[in-house]
Amino acid sequence: MHAWSGMEKFLLISLGAVLGANTRYWVGEWAARAWGTTFPYGTLFINLTGSFLLGLFMTLITDRFLVDPRWRMLIAIGFLGAYTTFSTYAYESVRLISEGQWTAGLLNLFGSSLAGGGCMLLGIWAGKLV
């Protein structure tokens, strides 16, 4: 088995992240032009498409096809990680639930949403104090 160097991992993830971040920007701009900015349509679209793509990709590379694990670094961690971290959160939550770890899956699913919203409010409050 090939032992990857730290630099090889770094470069694969970095390349994917650059492409994912730029794709996120372009898709967000497109969504704003197409649907307006009265609702965060772009963010919603990015989160939904990213979740679909990560679910599809991880299922294909773990259940259907034998591929070089470096593709996971490039696509799942790099590209989709920069395109949307929501996809990772959704995948990990659903994976836990599908493995019978309902408590952990639901805790991650709802805990991230509720605690994340609470931390956002706390951050806004702290920012106003400065």
C-alpha atoms as a PDB file:
ATOM      1  CA  MET A   1       0.000   0.000   0.000  1.00  0.00           C
ATOM      2  CA  HIS A   2       1.283   3.426  -0.941  1.00  0.00           C
ATOM      3  CA  ALA A   3       2.062   5.695   1.986  1.00  0.00           C
ATOM      4  CA  TRP A   4       1.156   9.189   0.929  1.00  0.00           C
ATOM      5  CA  SER A   5       3.345  12.032   1.948  1.00  0.00           C
ATOM      6  CA  GLY A   6       1.914  14.877   3.940  1.00  0.00           C
ATOM      7  CA  MET A   7       2.671  17.167   1.016  1.00  0.00           C
ATOM      8  CA  GLU A   8       0.728  14.990  -1.423  1.00  0.00           C
ATOM      9  CA  LYS A   9      -2.332  15.063   0.863  1.00  0.00           C
ATOM     10  CA  PHE A  10      -1.950  18.813   1.342  1.00  0.00           C
ATOM     11  CA  LEU A  11      -1.792  19.442  -2.405  1.00  0.00           C
ATOM     12  CA  LEU A  12      -4.776  17.221  -3.223  1.00  0.00           C
ATOM     13  CA  ILE A  13      -6.953  18.787  -0.544  1.00  0.00           C
ATOM     14  CA  SER A  14      -5.753  22.287  -1.445  1.00  0.00           C
ATOM     15  CA  LEU A  15      -6.494  21.836  -5.151  1.00  0.00           C
ATOM     16  CA  GLY A  16      -9.976  20.537  -4.380  1.00  0.00           C
ATOM     17  CA  ALA A  17     -10.568  23.357  -1.887  1.00  0.00           C
ATOM     18  CA  VAL A  18      -9.581  26.069  -4.374  1.00  0.00           C
ATOM     19  CA  LEU A  19     -11.952  24.612  -6.955  1.00  0.00           C
ATOM     20  CA  GLY A  20     -14.746  24.115  -4.407  1.00  0.00           C
ATOM     21  CA  ALA A  21     -14.505  27.614  -2.943  1.00  0.00           C
ATOM     22  CA  ASN A  22     -14.568  29.206  -6.374  1.00  0.00           C
ATOM     23  CA  THR A  23     -17.471  27.012  -7.464  1.00  0.00           C
ATOM     24  CA  ARG A  24     -19.350  28.078  -4.335  1.00  0.00           C
ATOM     25  CA  TYR A  25     -18.773  31.727  -5.219  1.00  0.00           C
ATOM     26  CA  TRP A  26     -19.871  31.282  -8.853  1.00  0.00           C
ATOM     27  CA  VAL A  27     -22.950  29.252  -7.927  1.00  0.00           C
ATOM     28  CA  GLY A  28     -23.884  31.829  -5.282  1.00  0.00           C
ATOM     29  CA  GLU A  29     -23.565  34.648  -7.799  1.00  0.00           C
ATOM     30  CA  TRP A  30     -25.621  32.725 -10.347  1.00  0.00           C
ATOM     31  CA  ALA A  31     -28.346  32.014  -7.777  1.00  0.00           C
ATOM     32  CA  ALA A  32     -28.508  35.689  -6.768  1.00  0.00           C
ATOM     33  CA  ARG A  33     -29.005  36.702 -10.404  1.00  0.00           C
ATOM     34  CA  ALA A  34     -31.496  33.911 -11.067  1.00  0.00           C
ATOM     35  CA  TRP A  35     -33.595  34.048  -7.889  1.00  0.00           C
ATOM     36  CA  GLY A  36     -32.751  37.324  -6.182  1.00  0.00           C
ATOM     37  CA  THR A  37     -31.360  38.032  -2.739  1.00  0.00           C
ATOM     38  CA  THR A  38     -34.474  38.345  -0.572  1.00  0.00           C
ATOM     39  CA  PHE A  39     -33.793  34.806   0.726  1.00  0.00           C
ATOM     40  CA  PRO A  40     -30.418  32.989   0.843  1.00  0.00           C
ATOM     41  CA  TYR A  41     -31.352  30.845  -2.164  1.00  0.00           C
ATOM     42  CA  GLY A  42     -27.721  30.446  -3.156  1.00  0.00           C
ATOM     43  CA  THR A  43     -26.692  29.068   0.232  1.00  0.00           C
ATOM     44  CA  LEU A  44     -29.669  26.719   0.309  1.00  0.00           C
ATOM     45  CA  PHE A  45     -28.938  25.507  -3.226  1.00  0.00           C
ATOM     46  CA  ILE A  46     -25.246  25.021  -2.413  1.00  0.00           C
ATOM     47  CA  ASN A  47     -26.036  23.106   0.794  1.00  0.00           C
ATOM     48  CA  LEU A  48     -28.545  20.846  -0.956  1.00  0.00           C
ATOM     49  CA  THR A  49     -26.411  20.153  -4.027  1.00  0.00           C
ATOM     50  CA  GLY A  50     -23.316  19.635  -1.869  1.00  0.00           C
ATOM     51  CA  SER A  51     -25.183  17.146   0.320  1.00  0.00           C
ATOM     52  CA  PHE A  52     -26.442  15.271  -2.732  1.00  0.00           C
ATOM     53  CA  LEU A  53     -22.993  15.192  -4.338  1.00  0.00           C
ATOM     54  CA  LEU A  54     -21.221  14.024  -1.173  1.00  0.00           C
ATOM     55  CA  GLY A  55     -23.811  11.291  -0.595  1.00  0.00           C
ATOM     56  CA  LEU A  56     -23.523  10.144  -4.202  1.00  0.00           C
ATOM     57  CA  PHE A  57     -19.727  10.292  -4.262  1.00  0.00           C
ATOM     58  CA  MET A  58     -19.173   8.517  -0.938  1.00  0.00           C
ATOM     59  CA  THR A  59     -21.671   5.782  -1.836  1.00  0.00           C
ATOM     60  CA  LEU A  60     -20.038   5.233  -5.215  1.00  0.00           C
ATOM     61  CA  ILE A  61     -16.503   5.042  -3.830  1.00  0.00           C
ATOM     62  CA  THR A  62     -17.352   2.911  -0.797  1.00  0.00           C
ATOM     63  CA  ASP A  63     -20.151   0.621  -2.063  1.00  0.00           C
ATOM     64  CA  ARG A  64     -19.952   0.488  -5.836  1.00  0.00           C
ATOM     65  CA  PHE A  65     -16.470   1.106  -7.228  1.00  0.00           C
ATOM     66  CA  LEU A  66     -12.902   0.553  -6.169  1.00  0.00           C
ATOM     67  CA  VAL A  67     -11.078   3.860  -6.587  1.00  0.00           C
ATOM     68  CA  ASP A  68      -7.824   5.325  -5.403  1.00  0.00           C
ATOM     69  CA  PRO A  69      -8.469   6.809  -1.917  1.00  0.00           C
ATOM     70  CA  ARG A  70      -6.800  10.028  -3.037  1.00  0.00           C
ATOM     71  CA  TRP A  71     -10.001  10.857  -4.917  1.00  0.00           C
ATOM     72  CA  ARG A  72     -11.710  11.182  -1.512  1.00  0.00           C
ATOM     73  CA  MET A  73      -9.135  13.784  -0.476  1.00  0.00           C
ATOM     74  CA  LEU A  74      -9.552  15.738  -3.696  1.00  0.00           C
ATOM     75  CA  ILE A  75     -13.339  15.561  -4.049  1.00  0.00           C
ATOM     76  CA  ALA A  76     -14.930  14.866  -0.644  1.00  0.00           C
ATOM     77  CA  ILE A  77     -12.512  16.676   1.666  1.00  0.00           C
ATOM     78  CA  GLY A  78     -11.141  19.344  -0.672  1.00  0.00           C
ATOM     79  CA  PHE A  79     -13.791  20.263  -3.238  1.00  0.00           C
ATOM     80  CA  LEU A  80     -16.998  19.510  -1.343  1.00  0.00           C
ATOM     81  CA  GLY A  81     -15.470  20.559   1.981  1.00  0.00           C
ATOM     82  CA  ALA A  82     -14.863  24.025   0.551  1.00  0.00           C
ATOM     83  CA  TYR A  83     -18.077  24.058  -1.494  1.00  0.00           C
ATOM     84  CA  THR A  84     -20.113  23.393   1.653  1.00  0.00           C
ATOM     85  CA  THR A  85     -19.337  21.992   5.081  1.00  0.00           C
ATOM     86  CA  PHE A  86     -23.062  21.386   5.448  1.00  0.00           C
ATOM     87  CA  SER A  87     -22.691  18.336   3.214  1.00  0.00           C
ATOM     88  CA  THR A  88     -20.197  16.793   5.656  1.00  0.00           C
ATOM     89  CA  TYR A  89     -22.469  17.517   8.607  1.00  0.00           C
ATOM     90  CA  ALA A  90     -25.442  15.956   6.819  1.00  0.00           C
ATOM     91  CA  TYR A  91     -23.459  12.907   5.660  1.00  0.00           C
ATOM     92  CA  GLU A  92     -21.995  12.206   9.089  1.00  0.00           C
ATOM     93  CA  SER A  93     -25.385  12.576  10.778  1.00  0.00           C
ATOM     94  CA  VAL A  94     -27.150  10.274   8.317  1.00  0.00           C
ATOM     95  CA  ARG A  95     -24.285   7.749   8.455  1.00  0.00           C
ATOM     96  CA  LEU A  96     -24.560   7.555  12.249  1.00  0.00           C
ATOM     97  CA  ILE A  97     -28.331   7.066  12.057  1.00  0.00           C
ATOM     98  CA  SER A  98     -28.034   4.433   9.303  1.00  0.00           C
ATOM     99  CA  GLU A  99     -25.521   2.536  11.466  1.00  0.00           C
ATOM    100  CA  GLY A 100     -28.081   2.419  14.273  1.00  0.00           C
ATOM    101  CA  GLN A 101     -26.471   5.183  16.321  1.00  0.00           C
ATOM    102  CA  TRP A 102     -29.677   7.197  16.472  1.00  0.00           C
ATOM    103  CA  THR A 103     -28.785   9.233  19.538  1.00  0.00           C
ATOM    104  CA  ALA A 104     -25.425  10.330  18.170  1.00  0.00           C
ATOM    105  CA  GLY A 105     -26.841  11.030  14.710  1.00  0.00           C
ATOM    106  CA  LEU A 106     -29.760  13.078  15.980  1.00  0.00           C
ATOM    107  CA  LEU A 107     -27.533  14.868  18.481  1.00  0.00           C
ATOM    108  CA  ASN A 108     -25.195  15.860  15.661  1.00  0.00           C
ATOM    109  CA  LEU A 109     -28.060  16.800  13.351  1.00  0.00           C
ATOM    110  CA  PHE A 110     -30.035  18.929  15.777  1.00  0.00           C
ATOM    111  CA  GLY A 111     -27.157  19.887  18.048  1.00  0.00           C
ATOM    112  CA  SER A 112     -25.189  21.416  15.199  1.00  0.00           C
ATOM    113  CA  SER A 113     -28.213  23.365  13.984  1.00  0.00           C
ATOM    114  CA  LEU A 114     -29.416  24.599  17.353  1.00  0.00           C
ATOM    115  CA  ALA A 115     -26.005  25.068  18.972  1.00  0.00           C
ATOM    116  CA  GLY A 116     -24.683  26.602  15.760  1.00  0.00           C
ATOM    117  CA  GLY A 117     -27.517  29.124  15.758  1.00  0.00           C
ATOM    118  CA  GLY A 118     -26.874  29.848  19.425  1.00  0.00           C
ATOM    119  CA  CYS A 119     -23.157  30.319  18.819  1.00  0.00           C
ATOM    120  CA  MET A 120     -23.949  32.629  15.907  1.00  0.00           C
ATOM    121  CA  LEU A 121     -26.118  34.766  18.200  1.00  0.00           C
ATOM    122  CA  LEU A 122     -23.375  34.725  20.846  1.00  0.00           C
ATOM    123  CA  GLY A 123     -20.804  35.781  18.261  1.00  0.00           C
ATOM    124  CA  ILE A 124     -23.034  38.629  17.052  1.00  0.00           C
ATOM    125  CA  TRP A 125     -23.560  39.746  20.648  1.00  0.00           C
ATOM    126  CA  ALA A 126     -19.816  39.579  21.380  1.00  0.00           C
ATOM    127  CA  GLY A 127     -19.057  41.490  18.189  1.00  0.00           C
ATOM    128  CA  LYS A 128     -21.390  44.285  19.219  1.00  0.00           C
ATOM    129  CA  LEU A 129     -19.585  44.592  22.565  1.00  0.00           C
ATOM    130  CA  VAL A 130     -16.228  45.270  20.927  1.00  0.00           C
END
